[in-house]
C-alpha atoms as a PDB file:
ATOM      1  CA  MET A   1     -93.898 125.607 -28.539  1.00  0.00           C
ATOM      2  CA  GLY A   2     -92.560 123.874 -31.652  1.00  0.00           C
ATOM      3  CA  PRO A   3     -90.112 120.974 -32.074  1.00  0.00           C
ATOM      4  CA  THR A   4     -87.149 123.172 -32.498  1.00  0.00           C
ATOM      5  CA  GLY A   5     -87.331 124.430 -28.900  1.00  0.00           C
ATOM      6  CA  ALA A   6     -87.272 120.928 -27.386  1.00  0.00           C
ATOM      7  CA  GLY A   7     -84.082 119.730 -29.134  1.00  0.00           C
ATOM      8  CA  PRO A   8     -81.314 121.158 -26.955  1.00  0.00           C
ATOM      9  CA  PRO A   9     -82.699 119.907 -23.640  1.00  0.00           C
ATOM     10  CA  ARG A  10     -82.958 116.358 -25.017  1.00  0.00           C
ATOM     11  CA  ARG A  11     -79.423 116.408 -26.233  1.00  0.00           C
ATOM     12  CA  ARG A  12     -78.225 117.585 -22.902  1.00  0.00           C
ATOM     13  CA  ALA A  13     -80.148 114.806 -21.137  1.00  0.00           C
ATOM     14  CA  ALA A  14     -78.691 112.214 -23.490  1.00  0.00           C
ATOM     15  CA  GLY A  15     -75.211 113.582 -22.895  1.00  0.00           C
ATOM     16  CA  ARG A  16     -75.622 113.329 -19.152  1.00  0.00           C
ATOM     17  CA  ARG A  17     -76.781 109.718 -19.471  1.00  0.00           C
ATOM     18  CA  ARG A  18     -73.725 108.787 -21.555  1.00  0.00           C
ATOM     19  CA  LEU A  19     -71.443 110.504 -19.067  1.00  0.00           C
ATOM     20  CA  LEU A  20     -73.077 108.654 -16.197  1.00  0.00           C
ATOM     21  CA  THR A  21     -72.763 105.356 -18.047  1.00  0.00           C
ATOM     22  CA  LEU A  22     -69.081 105.937 -18.740  1.00  0.00           C
ATOM     23  CA  THR A  23     -68.508 106.928 -15.149  1.00  0.00           C
ATOM     24  CA  LEU A  24     -70.173 103.794 -13.836  1.00  0.00           C
ATOM     25  CA  SER A  25     -68.290 101.602 -16.303  1.00  0.00           C
ATOM     26  CA  LEU A  26     -64.992 103.188 -15.355  1.00  0.00           C
ATOM     27  CA  ALA A  27     -65.744 102.769 -11.654  1.00  0.00           C
ATOM     28  CA  ALA A  28     -66.598  99.101 -12.195  1.00  0.00           C
ATOM     29  CA  HIS A  29     -63.347  98.476 -14.080  1.00  0.00           C
ATOM     30  CA  LEU A  30     -61.374 100.249 -11.375  1.00  0.00           C
ATOM     31  CA  ALA A  31     -63.058  98.113  -8.711  1.00  0.00           C
ATOM     32  CA  VAL A  32     -62.196  94.865 -10.577  1.00  0.00           C
ATOM     33  CA  LEU A  33     -58.615  96.019 -11.065  1.00  0.00           C
ATOM     34  CA  ALA A  34     -58.279  96.865  -7.387  1.00  0.00           C
ATOM     35  CA  ALA A  35     -59.628  93.435  -6.402  1.00  0.00           C
ATOM     36  CA  LEU A  36     -57.147  91.636  -8.672  1.00  0.00           C
ATOM     37  CA  LEU A  37     -54.199  93.573  -7.323  1.00  0.00           C
ATOM     38  CA  SER A  38     -55.283  92.934  -3.751  1.00  0.00           C
ATOM     39  CA  ALA A  39     -55.600  89.142  -4.346  1.00  0.00           C
ATOM     40  CA  ARG A  40     -52.183  88.905  -6.039  1.00  0.00           C
ATOM     41  CA  HIS A  41     -50.546  90.760  -3.177  1.00  0.00           C
ATOM     42  CA  GLN A  42     -52.042  88.311  -0.657  1.00  0.00           C
ATOM     43  CA  THR A  43     -51.005  85.087  -2.533  1.00  0.00           C
ATOM     44  CA  LEU A  44     -47.330  85.956  -3.072  1.00  0.00           C
ATOM     45  CA  PRO A  45     -45.172  83.994  -0.479  1.00  0.00           C
ATOM     46  CA  ALA A  46     -42.979  85.862   1.867  1.00  0.00           C
ATOM     47  CA  GLU A  47     -39.295  85.770   0.955  1.00  0.00           C
ATOM     48  CA  PRO A  48     -37.143  83.663   3.395  1.00  0.00           C
ATOM     49  CA  PRO A  49     -34.554  85.400   5.481  1.00  0.00           C
ATOM     50  CA  PRO A  50     -31.068  85.456   3.933  1.00  0.00           C
ATOM     51  CA  MET A  51     -28.691  82.520   4.905  1.00  0.00           C
ATOM     52  CA  VAL A  52     -25.529  83.441   6.702  1.00  0.00           C
ATOM     53  CA  VAL A  53     -22.424  81.449   5.555  1.00  0.00           C
ATOM     54  CA  ALA A  54     -19.223  81.558   7.614  1.00  0.00           C
ATOM     55  CA  LEU A  55     -15.898  80.387   6.056  1.00  0.00           C
ATOM     56  CA  VAL A  56     -13.612  78.618   8.558  1.00  0.00           C
ATOM     57  CA  GLY A  57     -10.018  77.742   7.621  1.00  0.00           C
ATOM     58  CA  LEU A  58      -8.898  74.235   8.903  1.00  0.00           C
ATOM     59  CA  THR A  59      -5.181  73.844   9.576  1.00  0.00           C
ATOM     60  CA  PRO A  60      -3.912  70.171   9.215  1.00  0.00           C
ATOM     61  CA  GLU A  61      -2.154  68.686  12.231  1.00  0.00           C
ATOM     62  CA  PRO A  62       1.592  68.139  11.785  1.00  0.00           C
ATOM     63  CA  ASP A  63       2.801  64.516  11.264  1.00  0.00           C
ATOM     64  CA  HIS A  64       5.000  63.735  14.285  1.00  0.00           C
ATOM     65  CA  GLY A  65       6.493  60.425  13.110  1.00  0.00           C
ATOM     66  CA  GLY A  66       6.578  57.550  10.656  1.00  0.00           C
ATOM     67  CA  PRO A  67       8.175  57.360   7.239  1.00  0.00           C
ATOM     68  CA  PRO A  68       6.471  58.903   4.275  1.00  0.00           C
ATOM     69  CA  ALA A  69       3.719  56.876   2.712  1.00  0.00           C
ATOM     70  CA  ALA A  70       5.730  56.269  -0.462  1.00  0.00           C
ATOM     71  CA  ALA A  71       8.775  55.006   1.489  1.00  0.00           C
ATOM     72  CA  GLN A  72       6.611  52.806   3.698  1.00  0.00           C
ATOM     73  CA  ALA A  73       4.937  51.285   0.657  1.00  0.00           C
ATOM     74  CA  ALA A  74       8.341  50.606  -0.911  1.00  0.00           C
ATOM     75  CA  THR A  75       9.714  48.795   2.176  1.00  0.00           C
ATOM     76  CA  THR A  76       6.618  46.642   2.744  1.00  0.00           C
ATOM     77  CA  PRO A  77       7.208  43.249   1.047  1.00  0.00           C
ATOM     78  CA  PRO A  78       4.393  42.083  -1.178  1.00  0.00           C
ATOM     79  CA  GLU A  79       2.250  39.279   0.162  1.00  0.00           C
ATOM     80  CA  PRO A  80       3.038  35.901  -1.410  1.00  0.00           C
ATOM     81  CA  PRO A  81       0.326  34.546  -3.651  1.00  0.00           C
ATOM     82  CA  LYS A  82      -2.013  32.239  -1.848  1.00  0.00           C
ATOM     83  CA  ALA A  83      -2.018  28.641  -2.967  1.00  0.00           C
ATOM     84  CA  PRO A  84      -5.238  27.633  -4.634  1.00  0.00           C
ATOM     85  CA  VAL A  85      -7.494  25.665  -2.372  1.00  0.00           C
ATOM     86  CA  LYS A  86      -8.094  22.228  -3.826  1.00  0.00           C
ATOM     87  CA  PRO A  87     -11.581  20.921  -3.340  1.00  0.00           C
ATOM     88  CA  THR A  88     -11.789  17.969  -1.008  1.00  0.00           C
ATOM     89  CA  PRO A  89     -12.724  14.872  -3.002  1.00  0.00           C
ATOM     90  CA  PRO A  90     -15.837  13.120  -1.807  1.00  0.00           C
ATOM     91  CA  ARG A  91     -15.315  10.120   0.412  1.00  0.00           C
ATOM     92  CA  PRO A  92     -15.786   6.845  -1.434  1.00  0.00           C
ATOM     93  CA  ASP A  93     -18.949   5.033  -0.634  1.00  0.00           C
ATOM     94  CA  VAL A  94     -17.560   1.786   0.761  1.00  0.00           C
ATOM     95  CA  LYS A  95     -20.142  -0.752   1.664  1.00  0.00           C
ATOM     96  CA  PRO A  96     -19.193  -2.862   4.685  1.00  0.00           C
ATOM     97  CA  ILE A  97     -18.761  -6.544   3.949  1.00  0.00           C
ATOM     98  CA  PRO A  98     -20.949  -8.748   6.145  1.00  0.00           C
ATOM     99  CA  ALA A  99     -19.059 -11.079   8.424  1.00  0.00           C
ATOM    100  CA  SER A 100     -20.440 -14.082   6.561  1.00  0.00           C
ATOM    101  CA  GLU A 101     -18.982 -12.819   3.241  1.00  0.00           C
ATOM    102  CA  ARG A 102     -15.507 -11.909   4.480  1.00  0.00           C
ATOM    103  CA  PRO A 103     -12.766 -14.195   3.174  1.00  0.00           C
ATOM    104  CA  GLU A 104     -11.380 -16.515   5.794  1.00  0.00           C
ATOM    105  CA  PRO A 105      -7.642 -16.261   6.504  1.00  0.00           C
ATOM    106  CA  THR A 106      -5.500 -18.836   4.753  1.00  0.00           C
ATOM    107  CA  PRO A 107      -4.623 -21.568   7.256  1.00  0.00           C
ATOM    108  CA  ALA A 108      -0.987 -22.466   7.803  1.00  0.00           C
ATOM    109  CA  PRO A 109       0.182 -25.574   5.914  1.00  0.00           C
ATOM    110  CA  PRO A 110       0.574 -28.809   7.911  1.00  0.00           C
ATOM    111  CA  SER A 111       3.879 -28.728   9.770  1.00  0.00           C
ATOM    112  CA  LEU A 112       5.799 -30.274  12.666  1.00  0.00           C
ATOM    113  CA  SER A 113       7.775 -28.579  15.426  1.00  0.00           C
ATOM    114  CA  GLU A 114      11.469 -28.954  16.217  1.00  0.00           C
ATOM    115  CA  ALA A 115      10.711 -31.431  18.986  1.00  0.00           C
ATOM    116  CA  GLN A 116       8.579 -33.587  16.685  1.00  0.00           C
ATOM    117  CA  VAL A 117      11.293 -33.912  14.018  1.00  0.00           C
ATOM    118  CA  ALA A 118      14.217 -34.277  16.431  1.00  0.00           C
ATOM    119  CA  SER A 119      14.436 -38.063  15.869  1.00  0.00           C
ATOM    120  CA  ALA A 120      13.713 -37.983  12.113  1.00  0.00           C
ATOM    121  CA  ALA A 121      16.204 -39.669   9.757  1.00  0.00           C
ATOM    122  CA  THR A 122      18.317 -37.307   7.643  1.00  0.00           C
ATOM    123  CA  ALA A 123      20.671 -37.673   4.686  1.00  0.00           C
ATOM    124  CA  GLY A 124      23.558 -39.996   5.552  1.00  0.00           C
ATOM    125  CA  SER A 125      21.979 -41.312   8.753  1.00  0.00           C
ATOM    126  CA  GLY A 126      20.620 -44.499   7.136  1.00  0.00           C
ATOM    127  CA  THR A 127      16.952 -45.418   7.071  1.00  0.00           C
ATOM    128  CA  ALA A 128      16.756 -48.956   5.686  1.00  0.00           C
ATOM    129  CA  GLU A 129      16.250 -51.983   7.901  1.00  0.00           C
ATOM    130  CA  GLY A 130      17.785 -54.281   5.262  1.00  0.00           C
ATOM    131  CA  SER A 131      20.967 -54.055   3.252  1.00  0.00           C
ATOM    132  CA  GLY A 132      19.622 -52.824  -0.079  1.00  0.00           C
ATOM    133  CA  ALA A 133      22.088 -51.556  -2.633  1.00  0.00           C
ATOM    134  CA  GLY A 134      21.671 -49.115  -5.447  1.00  0.00           C
ATOM    135  CA  ALA A 135      23.343 -48.908  -8.819  1.00  0.00           C
ATOM    136  CA  GLY A 136      26.947 -50.150  -8.820  1.00  0.00           C
ATOM    137  CA  GLY A 137      26.422 -51.964  -5.535  1.00  0.00           C
ATOM    138  CA  GLN A 138      26.346 -48.731  -3.505  1.00  0.00           C
ATOM    139  CA  PRO A 139      24.054 -48.747  -0.458  1.00  0.00           C
ATOM    140  CA  CYS A 140      20.732 -46.958  -0.903  1.00  0.00           C
ATOM    141  CA  ASP A 141      20.466 -43.517   0.648  1.00  0.00           C
ATOM    142  CA  MET A 142      17.059 -42.410  -0.605  1.00  0.00           C
ATOM    143  CA  VAL A 143      16.995 -39.403   1.735  1.00  0.00           C
ATOM    144  CA  ARG A 144      20.192 -38.025   0.182  1.00  0.00           C
ATOM    145  CA  ARG A 145      18.964 -38.913  -3.324  1.00  0.00           C
ATOM    146  CA  LEU A 146      15.664 -37.050  -2.900  1.00  0.00           C
ATOM    147  CA  GLN A 147      17.262 -34.116  -1.088  1.00  0.00           C
ATOM    148  CA  ALA A 148      19.852 -33.589  -3.852  1.00  0.00           C
ATOM    149  CA  ALA A 149      17.182 -33.703  -6.569  1.00  0.00           C
ATOM    150  CA  LEU A 150      14.906 -31.207  -4.790  1.00  0.00           C
ATOM    151  CA  ARG A 151      17.738 -28.749  -4.143  1.00  0.00           C
ATOM    152  CA  LYS A 152      18.437 -28.525  -7.886  1.00  0.00           C
ATOM    153  CA  ASP A 153      14.829 -27.670  -8.772  1.00  0.00           C
ATOM    154  CA  ALA A 154      14.106 -23.917  -8.606  1.00  0.00           C
ATOM    155  CA  ARG A 155      10.377 -24.614  -8.842  1.00  0.00           C
ATOM    156  CA  ILE A 156      10.540 -26.687  -5.658  1.00  0.00           C
ATOM    157  CA  GLN A 157      12.593 -24.030  -3.870  1.00  0.00           C
ATOM    158  CA  ALA A 158      10.011 -21.343  -4.725  1.00  0.00           C
ATOM    159  CA  ALA A 159       7.035 -23.484  -3.658  1.00  0.00           C
ATOM    160  CA  VAL A 160       8.607 -24.386  -0.305  1.00  0.00           C
ATOM    161  CA  ALA A 161       9.734 -20.782   0.350  1.00  0.00           C
ATOM    162  CA  GLU A 162       6.178 -19.533  -0.272  1.00  0.00           C
ATOM    163  CA  ALA A 163       4.763 -22.113   2.137  1.00  0.00           C
ATOM    164  CA  ASP A 164       7.378 -21.172   4.770  1.00  0.00           C
ATOM    165  CA  HIS A 165       6.140 -17.554   4.733  1.00  0.00           C
ATOM    166  CA  ALA A 166       2.548 -18.522   5.523  1.00  0.00           C
ATOM    167  CA  PRO A 167       1.114 -16.984   8.745  1.00  0.00           C
ATOM    168  CA  GLY A 168       2.008 -19.035  11.822  1.00  0.00           C
ATOM    169  CA  GLN A 169       4.554 -21.174   9.989  1.00  0.00           C
ATOM    170  CA  GLY A 170       7.745 -19.882  11.606  1.00  0.00           C
ATOM    171  CA  ARG A 171      10.614 -22.409  11.465  1.00  0.00           C
ATOM    172  CA  ARG A 172       8.402 -25.479  11.476  1.00  0.00           C
ATOM    173  CA  ALA A 173       9.028 -28.275   8.941  1.00  0.00           C
ATOM    174  CA  LEU A 174       6.375 -28.820   6.252  1.00  0.00           C
ATOM    175  CA  TYR A 175       4.635 -32.179   6.627  1.00  0.00           C
ATOM    176  CA  VAL A 176       3.897 -33.432   3.099  1.00  0.00           C
ATOM    177  CA  TRP A 177       3.284 -37.218   3.475  1.00  0.00           C
ATOM    178  CA  ASN A 178       2.072 -39.353   6.387  1.00  0.00           C
ATOM    179  CA  GLY A 179       1.005 -42.466   4.482  1.00  0.00           C
ATOM    180  CA  ASP A 180      -1.023 -40.204   2.202  1.00  0.00           C
ATOM    181  CA  TRP A 181      -0.131 -36.926   0.542  1.00  0.00           C
ATOM    182  CA  ILE A 182      -1.351 -34.145   2.835  1.00  0.00           C
ATOM    183  CA  ARG A 183      -3.359 -31.394   1.161  1.00  0.00           C
ATOM    184  CA  SER A 184      -2.025 -27.848   1.543  1.00  0.00           C
ATOM    185  CA  SER A 185      -4.307 -24.825   1.192  1.00  0.00           C
ATOM    186  CA  GLY A 186      -4.445 -23.377  -2.332  1.00  0.00           C
ATOM    187  CA  GLN A 187      -2.676 -26.369  -3.910  1.00  0.00           C
ATOM    188  CA  ASP A 188      -3.946 -28.540  -6.744  1.00  0.00           C
ATOM    189  CA  GLY A 189      -4.419 -31.967  -5.227  1.00  0.00           C
ATOM    190  CA  ASN A 190      -2.909 -33.322  -2.047  1.00  0.00           C
ATOM    191  CA  GLY A 191       0.518 -32.212  -0.887  1.00  0.00           C
ATOM    192  CA  LEU A 192       2.530 -29.370  -2.362  1.00  0.00           C
ATOM    193  CA  ALA A 193       1.862 -30.118  -6.031  1.00  0.00           C
ATOM    194  CA  ALA A 194       5.390 -29.418  -7.284  1.00  0.00           C
ATOM    195  CA  VAL A 195       7.014 -31.278  -4.364  1.00  0.00           C
ATOM    196  CA  ARG A 196       4.715 -34.275  -4.747  1.00  0.00           C
ATOM    197  CA  GLU A 197       5.438 -34.625  -8.468  1.00  0.00           C
ATOM    198  CA  ALA A 198       9.221 -34.279  -8.035  1.00  0.00           C
ATOM    199  CA  ILE A 199       9.418 -36.866  -5.226  1.00  0.00           C
ATOM    200  CA  MET A 200       7.217 -39.376  -7.061  1.00  0.00           C
ATOM    201  CA  TRP A 201       9.333 -38.939 -10.216  1.00  0.00           C
ATOM    202  CA  GLU A 202      12.621 -39.478  -8.360  1.00  0.00           C
ATOM    203  CA  VAL A 203      11.361 -42.534  -6.444  1.00  0.00           C
ATOM    204  CA  ALA A 204       9.934 -44.075  -9.622  1.00  0.00           C
ATOM    205  CA  PHE A 205      13.368 -44.003 -11.325  1.00  0.00           C
ATOM    206  CA  ALA A 206      15.299 -45.234  -8.265  1.00  0.00           C
ATOM    207  CA  PRO A 207      16.609 -48.842  -8.268  1.00  0.00           C
ATOM    208  CA  GLU A 208      13.956 -51.371  -7.344  1.00  0.00           C
ATOM    209  CA  THR A 209      15.891 -52.528  -4.278  1.00  0.00           C
ATOM    210  CA  CYS A 210      15.955 -48.930  -2.988  1.00  0.00           C
ATOM    211  CA  ARG A 211      12.231 -48.443  -3.604  1.00  0.00           C
ATOM    212  CA  ALA A 212      11.557 -51.612  -1.604  1.00  0.00           C
ATOM    213  CA  GLU A 213      13.507 -50.463   1.475  1.00  0.00           C
ATOM    214  CA  ARG A 214      11.514 -50.445   4.688  1.00  0.00           C
ATOM    215  CA  VAL A 215      11.578 -47.200   6.677  1.00  0.00           C
ATOM    216  CA  HIS A 216      10.472 -46.597  10.252  1.00  0.00           C
ATOM    217  CA  GLY A 217       9.259 -43.207  11.510  1.00  0.00           C
ATOM    218  CA  LEU A 218       9.907 -39.802   9.980  1.00  0.00           C
ATOM    219  CA  VAL A 219      12.344 -38.654   7.288  1.00  0.00           C
ATOM    220  CA  LEU A 220      13.567 -35.025   7.124  1.00  0.00           C
ATOM    221  CA  LEU A 221      14.682 -33.401   3.852  1.00  0.00           C
ATOM    222  CA  SER A 222      16.513 -30.053   4.022  1.00  0.00           C
ATOM    223  CA  LEU A 223      16.543 -27.906   0.865  1.00  0.00           C
ATOM    224  CA  ASN A 224      19.176 -25.496   2.224  1.00  0.00           C
ATOM    225  CA  ASP A 225      22.278 -25.901   4.363  1.00  0.00           C
ATOM    226  CA  GLY A 226      21.041 -23.218   6.751  1.00  0.00           C
ATOM    227  CA  GLY A 227      18.125 -25.374   7.896  1.00  0.00           C
ATOM    228  CA  SER A 228      15.352 -23.467   6.109  1.00  0.00           C
ATOM    229  CA  GLY A 229      13.000 -25.139   3.662  1.00  0.00           C
ATOM    230  CA  ARG A 230      12.504 -28.469   5.398  1.00  0.00           C
ATOM    231  CA  LEU A 231      10.123 -31.260   4.377  1.00  0.00           C
ATOM    232  CA  VAL A 232       8.950 -34.161   6.550  1.00  0.00           C
ATOM    233  CA  MET A 233       7.606 -37.513   5.330  1.00  0.00           C
ATOM    234  CA  GLY A 234       6.653 -40.801   6.931  1.00  0.00           C
ATOM    235  CA  GLY A 235       5.090 -42.155  10.071  1.00  0.00           C
ATOM    236  CA  GLY A 236       5.093 -45.708  11.402  1.00  0.00           C
ATOM    237  CA  ASP A 237       6.503 -48.450   9.110  1.00  0.00           C
ATOM    238  CA  TRP A 238       6.472 -47.791   5.373  1.00  0.00           C
ATOM    239  CA  ARG A 239       8.418 -48.274   2.126  1.00  0.00           C
ATOM    240  CA  TRP A 240       9.674 -45.731  -0.418  1.00  0.00           C
ATOM    241  CA  SER A 241       7.437 -47.304  -3.024  1.00  0.00           C
ATOM    242  CA  ASP A 242       4.432 -46.209  -0.927  1.00  0.00           C
ATOM    243  CA  LEU A 243       5.143 -42.646  -2.102  1.00  0.00           C
ATOM    244  CA  LEU A 244       4.137 -43.658  -5.639  1.00  0.00           C
ATOM    245  CA  ARG A 245       0.528 -44.231  -4.627  1.00  0.00           C
ATOM    246  CA  PRO A 246      -1.616 -41.065  -4.902  1.00  0.00           C
ATOM    247  CA  HIS A 247      -3.686 -42.217  -1.913  1.00  0.00           C
ATOM    248  CA  ALA A 248      -3.062 -44.573   0.956  1.00  0.00           C
ATOM    249  CA  GLY A 249      -3.999 -48.117   0.052  1.00  0.00           C
ATOM    250  CA  GLY A 250      -4.120 -47.220  -3.690  1.00  0.00           C
END
């Protein structure tokens, strides 16, 4: 047999092979497509059940009493503004003073009680043991002379009034000379400085016969008619001229 007789069978065999190949390819594609659809169906989540919503109408309760809110707000008085709170200042740091450094109280000036000056000579009572006479032949009354001079001096009045108000002084008479000028606390020199100078000045310009008079005991000078502001001098036997000496025996 020649080549021409073998051609148709070969073509038919080749056609069957192509058909088989297409069939297998189509089956494979269908299998892959079926697998993909099956996997997608399995991975999709199940839809949740639908939510049921119920609408309930709430009716407000009736207001049984009380004024309306606007009226109540109008009748309520506003609160007064609060005063600002002032900060408390810190306490001062005060250091205690040791007992040894504390100032000592001022002692009362030397003085005598009512009983001690009861027998003292006063103005007009006479103090001289002799019969001395002053200017114009008048008898010496040195107590009256000194008392009158001291009453006219405002400086003396102030000094004696200050001494009378010292603690513990009371109505006692200030003792300024007992043969020597007695030192008072806070004064310059012995005796009340202003009183000492005024008395020494007045005695120095008194007549010599009056300065030489002898006096026994105490002499009381009163700077006021009411009895306040009293000065005491003397003790034992002495002369008015003794007041001119700054110190006893000088």
